Amino acid sequence: MVALYPGGHKGPLLYYVMQNNHVKWRLIDTGPLDGPANMAIDEALLNNFDPETSAPVLRLYGWSPPALSLGRFQKATEVLDLERCVAENVSVVRRITGGGVIYHCEELTYSIVCAPHQLPPAATVKESFRVLTSFLRSFYGRLGLDARYAIDCFSGGERLGERTAFCFAGRESYDILVGGRKIGGNAQRRLRNVIFQHGSIPLVNCAVHGAGFLREPPVGVGKVTGALHDFGVGLAQGELKRLMAEAFMEALSAVLVEGSLTEGEETTVASIGADRHSCPSWVWEGVHGKNHEDYPQA
């Protein structure tokens, strides 16, 4: 077990946490996995979290092979070009959060599970979203990028919060922009006094290719989205993860303790991975119980 401290501090973990009023977080780096495994782990972390006794979690991961993820309330038959998904052998999964379709290709992805009292104070649910994405702005700053919230960039007639089938085509108040271009996307869900949030940091801009899997691809998405490569950042993922960990600890007054999934979390992953995230009726429509042959096998 390795503990990471803000500013490179060294010393006993418990002493540091108590003296500096920091919160101890679990850091779980699962590396690149396929879509069903990634979604099963996210859900297992949420389902096994006890807001009274569990340590908060920061998970880092990637996607191999690339996949499309649907928002919790989307229907694949309504938003995706299923024939193209099958033809290009691109798998489709369903997130436990809302929002639009995301194409996960070359990216660094994170998920967070915590209780409200484990975060810096926030007056509203919307404000908590600003708190929980503040580490991303700090992370981009460490890369030399001027990252701003959409709500701070637009004061005139631009409309924020309009629903779009493709996540990267829309702009919410606390989406992060670099040079006026949306970089990545984040979504949050609350369940039983637990906050779950996950988001993507695209390394290479695959938005145009990803949008091509929609029945009605948004126009001009390549011009309004960005990725680290677009802004001249070509660091290895190991270095990006290190900088993200530093930004996270600073922004959220956290100490990160490297670890892995618990036995209970592993058991949940095995159960829901087979029962839900590999179930065609769940993936395509968000329901259980229909025959597998009724759905395309993308």
Protein backbone atom coordinates (compact mmCIF):
# COMPACT_ATOMS: atom_id res chain seq x y z
CA MET A 1 0.00 0.00 0.00
CA VAL A 2 1.50 3.31 -1.12
CA ALA A 3 0.24 6.69 0.06
CA LEU A 4 0.59 9.79 -2.11
CA TYR A 5 0.69 13.16 -0.34
CA PRO A 6 0.07 16.69 -1.62
CA GLY A 7 3.33 18.48 -2.32
CA GLY A 8 5.40 15.33 -1.94
CA HIS A 9 5.12 15.26 1.88
CA LYS A 10 6.56 12.18 3.57
CA GLY A 11 5.60 10.72 6.93
CA PRO A 12 3.02 8.60 8.75
CA LEU A 13 -0.31 8.62 6.91
CA LEU A 14 -2.60 8.91 9.93
CA TYR A 15 -0.52 11.76 11.40
CA TYR A 16 -0.59 13.69 8.13
CA VAL A 17 -4.33 13.25 7.65
CA MET A 18 -5.15 14.37 11.20
CA GLN A 19 -2.74 17.31 11.25
CA ASN A 20 -3.75 18.70 7.87
CA ASN A 21 -7.49 17.96 7.90
CA HIS A 22 -7.14 15.93 4.71
CA VAL A 23 -9.35 13.01 3.68
CA LYS A 24 -7.84 9.63 2.84
CA TRP A 25 -8.98 8.36 -0.58
CA ARG A 26 -8.48 4.99 -2.23
CA LEU A 27 -6.68 5.24 -5.58
CA ILE A 28 -7.49 2.32 -7.89
CA ASP A 29 -5.81 2.15 -11.30
CA THR A 30 -7.42 -0.68 -13.24
CA GLY A 31 -5.73 0.18 -16.53
CA PRO A 32 -7.42 -0.34 -19.91
CA LEU A 33 -10.33 -2.82 -19.93
CA ASP A 34 -13.21 -3.63 -22.25
CA GLY A 35 -16.50 -1.75 -22.00
CA PRO A 36 -18.56 -4.25 -19.96
CA ALA A 37 -15.75 -4.67 -17.42
CA ASN A 38 -15.36 -0.91 -17.01
CA MET A 39 -19.06 -0.35 -16.45
CA ALA A 40 -19.31 -3.31 -14.05
CA ILE A 41 -16.45 -1.96 -11.93
CA ASP A 42 -17.96 1.52 -11.77
CA GLU A 43 -21.30 0.09 -10.65
CA ALA A 44 -19.65 -2.26 -8.14
CA LEU A 45 -17.77 0.64 -6.54
CA LEU A 46 -21.05 2.52 -6.17
CA ASN A 47 -23.07 -0.44 -4.89
CA ASN A 48 -20.48 -1.40 -2.27
CA PHE A 49 -19.95 2.11 -0.92
CA ASP A 50 -21.21 2.89 2.58
CA PRO A 51 -21.39 6.67 3.12
CA GLU A 52 -20.79 6.25 6.86
CA THR A 53 -17.83 3.86 6.83
CA SER A 54 -16.25 3.64 3.37
CA ALA A 55 -13.21 5.60 2.25
CA PRO A 56 -13.88 7.64 -0.90
CA VAL A 57 -12.54 6.26 -4.17
CA LEU A 58 -10.74 7.67 -7.20
CA ARG A 59 -10.47 5.15 -10.01
CA LEU A 60 -8.37 5.64 -13.16
CA TYR A 61 -8.87 3.51 -16.24
CA GLY A 62 -8.88 3.25 -20.02
CA TRP A 63 -10.72 1.44 -22.81
CA SER A 64 -9.43 -1.46 -24.89
CA PRO A 65 -10.88 -2.02 -27.41
CA PRO A 66 -12.68 1.29 -28.13
CA ALA A 67 -16.37 1.34 -27.23
CA LEU A 68 -19.50 3.47 -27.30
CA SER A 69 -21.27 4.18 -24.03
CA LEU A 70 -24.93 5.14 -23.88
CA GLY A 71 -26.35 7.43 -21.24
CA ARG A 72 -28.53 5.72 -18.66
CA PHE A 73 -31.81 6.79 -20.29
CA GLN A 74 -30.91 6.45 -23.97
CA LYS A 75 -32.12 3.69 -26.29
CA ALA A 76 -29.56 2.38 -28.72
CA THR A 77 -32.13 1.85 -31.46
CA GLU A 78 -33.07 5.53 -31.33
CA VAL A 79 -29.63 7.13 -31.34
CA LEU A 80 -27.11 4.71 -32.86
CA ASP A 81 -26.45 3.52 -36.40
CA LEU A 82 -26.52 -0.12 -35.33
CA GLU A 83 -25.46 -1.47 -38.72
CA ARG A 84 -22.25 0.55 -38.59
CA CYS A 85 -21.58 -0.50 -34.98
CA VAL A 86 -21.84 -4.14 -36.03
CA ALA A 87 -19.87 -3.65 -39.25
CA GLU A 88 -16.96 -2.02 -37.40
CA ASN A 89 -17.23 -4.41 -34.44
CA VAL A 90 -17.56 -1.56 -31.94
CA SER A 91 -19.04 -2.69 -28.66
CA VAL A 92 -21.80 -0.72 -26.94
CA VAL A 93 -22.30 -0.40 -23.18
CA ARG A 94 -24.64 1.53 -20.91
CA ARG A 95 -23.42 3.92 -18.21
CA ILE A 96 -25.07 4.29 -14.80
CA THR A 97 -25.12 8.06 -15.37
CA GLY A 98 -27.23 10.09 -17.76
CA GLY A 99 -26.19 12.18 -20.73
CA GLY A 100 -25.40 11.41 -24.33
CA VAL A 101 -23.37 8.87 -26.25
CA ILE A 102 -19.59 8.91 -25.75
CA TYR A 103 -17.04 7.25 -28.01
CA HIS A 104 -14.23 5.99 -25.77
CA CYS A 105 -11.04 5.62 -27.74
CA GLU A 106 -7.69 7.09 -26.78
CA GLU A 107 -8.52 8.65 -23.42
CA LEU A 108 -7.82 8.66 -19.71
CA THR A 109 -11.00 8.02 -17.75
CA TYR A 110 -11.74 8.54 -14.06
CA SER A 111 -14.55 7.69 -11.68
CA ILE A 112 -15.22 9.00 -8.17
CA VAL A 113 -17.33 7.52 -5.38
CA CYS A 114 -17.74 9.49 -2.16
CA ALA A 115 -20.15 10.90 0.39
CA PRO A 116 -20.99 14.62 0.48
CA HIS A 117 -19.30 15.08 3.87
CA GLN A 118 -16.01 13.84 2.39
CA LEU A 119 -15.82 16.82 0.02
CA PRO A 120 -15.12 20.51 0.55
CA PRO A 121 -18.41 22.27 1.40
CA ALA A 122 -20.84 22.92 -1.47
CA ALA A 123 -24.12 24.80 -1.09
CA THR A 124 -26.04 22.96 -3.82
CA VAL A 125 -25.88 19.78 -5.89
CA LYS A 126 -24.83 21.85 -8.89
CA GLU A 127 -22.08 23.48 -6.86
CA SER A 128 -20.81 20.02 -5.87
CA PHE A 129 -20.28 19.36 -9.57
CA ARG A 130 -17.99 22.39 -9.71
CA VAL A 131 -16.14 21.10 -6.64
CA LEU A 132 -15.72 17.63 -8.10
CA THR A 133 -14.45 18.88 -11.45
CA SER A 134 -12.09 21.47 -9.96
CA PHE A 135 -9.23 18.96 -10.01
CA LEU A 136 -9.57 18.73 -13.79
CA ARG A 137 -9.01 22.45 -14.23
CA SER A 138 -5.97 22.15 -11.98
CA PHE A 139 -4.77 19.14 -13.98
CA TYR A 140 -5.08 20.99 -17.28
CA GLY A 141 -3.30 23.94 -15.71
CA ARG A 142 -0.34 21.68 -14.91
CA LEU A 143 -0.23 20.88 -18.61
CA GLY A 144 -0.01 24.57 -19.47
CA LEU A 145 -3.62 24.84 -20.63
CA ASP A 146 -6.07 27.61 -19.73
CA ALA A 147 -9.13 25.54 -18.79
CA ARG A 148 -12.39 27.28 -17.90
CA TYR A 149 -15.97 26.31 -17.10
CA ALA A 150 -18.47 26.90 -19.88
CA ILE A 151 -20.62 29.03 -17.57
CA ASP A 152 -17.66 31.38 -17.06
CA CYS A 153 -17.00 31.69 -20.80
CA PHE A 154 -20.47 32.60 -22.01
CA SER A 155 -22.40 35.54 -20.65
CA GLY A 156 -24.51 36.43 -23.67
CA GLY A 157 -26.92 34.55 -25.88
CA GLU A 158 -25.21 31.15 -25.86
CA ARG A 159 -27.46 28.45 -24.45
CA LEU A 160 -26.10 25.86 -22.06
CA GLY A 161 -27.69 22.62 -20.95
CA GLU A 162 -29.53 21.69 -24.13
CA ARG A 163 -29.91 17.93 -24.55
CA THR A 164 -27.88 16.27 -27.29
CA ALA A 165 -27.63 12.63 -28.33
CA PHE A 166 -23.82 12.92 -28.50
CA CYS A 167 -22.21 14.06 -25.25
CA PHE A 168 -19.39 16.08 -26.77
CA ALA A 169 -21.79 18.08 -28.96
CA GLY A 170 -23.52 19.66 -25.96
CA ARG A 171 -22.35 22.11 -23.32
CA GLU A 172 -23.35 22.10 -19.68
CA SER A 173 -22.55 24.85 -17.20
CA TYR A 174 -19.55 23.04 -15.72
CA ASP A 175 -18.19 21.46 -18.85
CA ILE A 176 -14.54 22.37 -19.24
CA LEU A 177 -13.36 24.36 -22.25
CA VAL A 178 -9.85 24.99 -23.53
CA GLY A 179 -9.58 27.65 -26.19
CA GLY A 180 -13.37 27.65 -26.44
CA ARG A 181 -13.44 23.92 -27.27
CA LYS A 182 -15.02 21.34 -24.99
CA ILE A 183 -12.49 18.84 -23.69
CA GLY A 184 -13.96 15.59 -22.40
CA GLY A 185 -17.20 15.15 -20.53
CA ASN A 186 -18.35 14.42 -16.98
CA ALA A 187 -21.54 12.99 -15.49
CA GLN A 188 -22.78 12.57 -11.93
CA ARG A 189 -25.33 10.42 -10.14
CA ARG A 190 -26.50 10.45 -6.51
CA LEU A 191 -27.81 7.36 -4.77
CA ARG A 192 -28.49 6.86 -1.05
CA ASN A 193 -26.38 9.84 0.03
CA VAL A 194 -23.53 8.68 -2.20
CA ILE A 195 -22.06 10.71 -5.05
CA PHE A 196 -20.82 8.91 -8.15
CA GLN A 197 -19.09 10.82 -10.93
CA HIS A 198 -17.06 9.76 -13.93
CA GLY A 199 -15.52 11.54 -16.85
CA SER A 200 -13.13 11.33 -19.77
CA ILE A 201 -9.95 13.15 -20.72
CA PRO A 202 -9.41 12.56 -24.46
CA LEU A 203 -5.79 12.21 -25.49
CA VAL A 204 -6.56 12.26 -29.23
CA ASN A 205 -9.63 13.88 -30.78
CA CYS A 206 -11.85 11.02 -31.96
CA ALA A 207 -15.10 12.99 -31.73
CA VAL A 208 -15.80 13.07 -35.47
CA HIS A 209 -15.25 9.34 -35.84
CA GLY A 210 -17.36 8.63 -32.76
CA ALA A 211 -20.19 10.88 -33.89
CA GLY A 212 -20.33 8.87 -37.10
CA PHE A 213 -21.88 5.98 -35.17
CA LEU A 214 -25.00 8.04 -34.47
CA ARG A 215 -28.11 7.86 -36.61
CA GLU A 216 -27.97 11.65 -36.91
CA PRO A 217 -24.34 12.76 -36.47
CA PRO A 218 -24.02 16.32 -35.12
CA VAL A 219 -22.62 18.83 -37.59
CA GLY A 220 -19.25 20.46 -36.90
CA VAL A 221 -18.47 18.49 -33.75
CA GLY A 222 -14.77 18.39 -34.63
CA LYS A 223 -14.55 22.18 -34.43
CA VAL A 224 -16.10 22.52 -30.97
CA THR A 225 -14.28 19.65 -29.24
CA GLY A 226 -10.68 19.25 -28.23
CA ALA A 227 -8.17 16.71 -26.93
CA LEU A 228 -4.75 16.94 -25.32
CA HIS A 229 -3.01 16.25 -28.63
CA ASP A 230 -4.83 19.20 -30.22
CA PHE A 231 -3.21 21.49 -27.66
CA GLY A 232 0.31 20.09 -28.03
CA VAL A 233 0.27 17.74 -25.04
CA GLY A 234 1.87 14.39 -25.80
CA LEU A 235 2.91 13.09 -22.39
CA ALA A 236 2.83 9.38 -21.60
CA GLN A 237 -0.17 8.15 -19.63
CA GLY A 238 1.96 7.40 -16.58
CA GLU A 239 2.99 11.05 -16.34
CA LEU A 240 -0.56 12.23 -16.99
CA LYS A 241 -1.82 10.05 -14.15
CA ARG A 242 0.85 11.43 -11.82
CA LEU A 243 -0.12 15.00 -12.62
CA MET A 244 -3.80 14.17 -12.23
CA ALA A 245 -3.18 12.63 -8.81
CA GLU A 246 -1.32 15.77 -7.72
CA ALA A 247 -4.13 18.01 -8.97
CA PHE A 248 -6.75 15.84 -7.27
CA MET A 249 -5.01 15.93 -3.90
CA GLU A 250 -4.56 19.68 -4.02
CA ALA A 251 -8.09 20.50 -5.17
CA LEU A 252 -9.95 18.14 -2.81
CA SER A 253 -7.63 18.20 0.22
CA ALA A 254 -7.00 14.49 -0.26
CA VAL A 255 -4.35 11.89 0.43
CA LEU A 256 -4.40 9.06 -2.11
CA VAL A 257 -3.65 5.51 -1.00
CA GLU A 258 -2.97 3.11 -3.86
CA GLY A 259 -4.92 -0.12 -3.71
CA SER A 260 -7.17 -2.51 -5.58
CA LEU A 261 -10.76 -3.71 -5.57
CA THR A 262 -11.95 -5.39 -2.38
CA GLU A 263 -13.20 -8.96 -2.35
CA GLY A 264 -16.78 -7.69 -2.10
CA GLU A 265 -16.29 -5.36 -5.07
CA GLU A 266 -14.75 -8.17 -7.13
CA THR A 267 -17.73 -10.39 -6.34
CA THR A 268 -20.15 -7.67 -7.44
CA VAL A 269 -18.19 -7.11 -10.66
CA ALA A 270 -18.43 -10.80 -11.53
CA SER A 271 -22.15 -10.83 -10.81
CA ILE A 272 -23.36 -7.69 -12.56
CA GLY A 273 -20.83 -7.99 -15.37
CA ALA A 274 -22.51 -11.17 -16.54
CA ASP A 275 -26.07 -10.33 -15.52
CA ARG A 276 -26.31 -6.73 -16.65
CA HIS A 277 -23.44 -5.23 -18.63
CA SER A 278 -23.15 -8.23 -20.95
CA CYS A 279 -26.93 -8.52 -21.34
CA PRO A 280 -28.05 -7.24 -24.79
CA SER A 281 -31.48 -6.09 -23.60
CA TRP A 282 -29.85 -3.97 -20.88
CA VAL A 283 -27.28 -2.50 -23.23
CA TRP A 284 -29.68 -1.68 -26.04
CA GLU A 285 -32.78 -0.63 -24.10
CA GLY A 286 -31.92 -0.50 -20.41
CA VAL A 287 -34.25 -3.42 -19.59
CA HIS A 288 -33.81 -7.10 -18.74
CA GLY A 289 -35.58 -10.22 -19.84
CA LYS A 290 -35.66 -10.18 -23.65
CA ASN A 291 -34.05 -12.83 -25.82
CA HIS A 292 -30.46 -12.21 -26.91
CA GLU A 293 -31.29 -12.98 -30.54
CA ASP A 294 -33.60 -9.95 -30.62
CA TYR A 295 -30.58 -7.60 -30.59
CA PRO A 296 -27.54 -6.91 -32.81
CA GLN A 297 -24.36 -8.42 -31.42
CA ALA A 298 -22.07 -5.39 -31.62
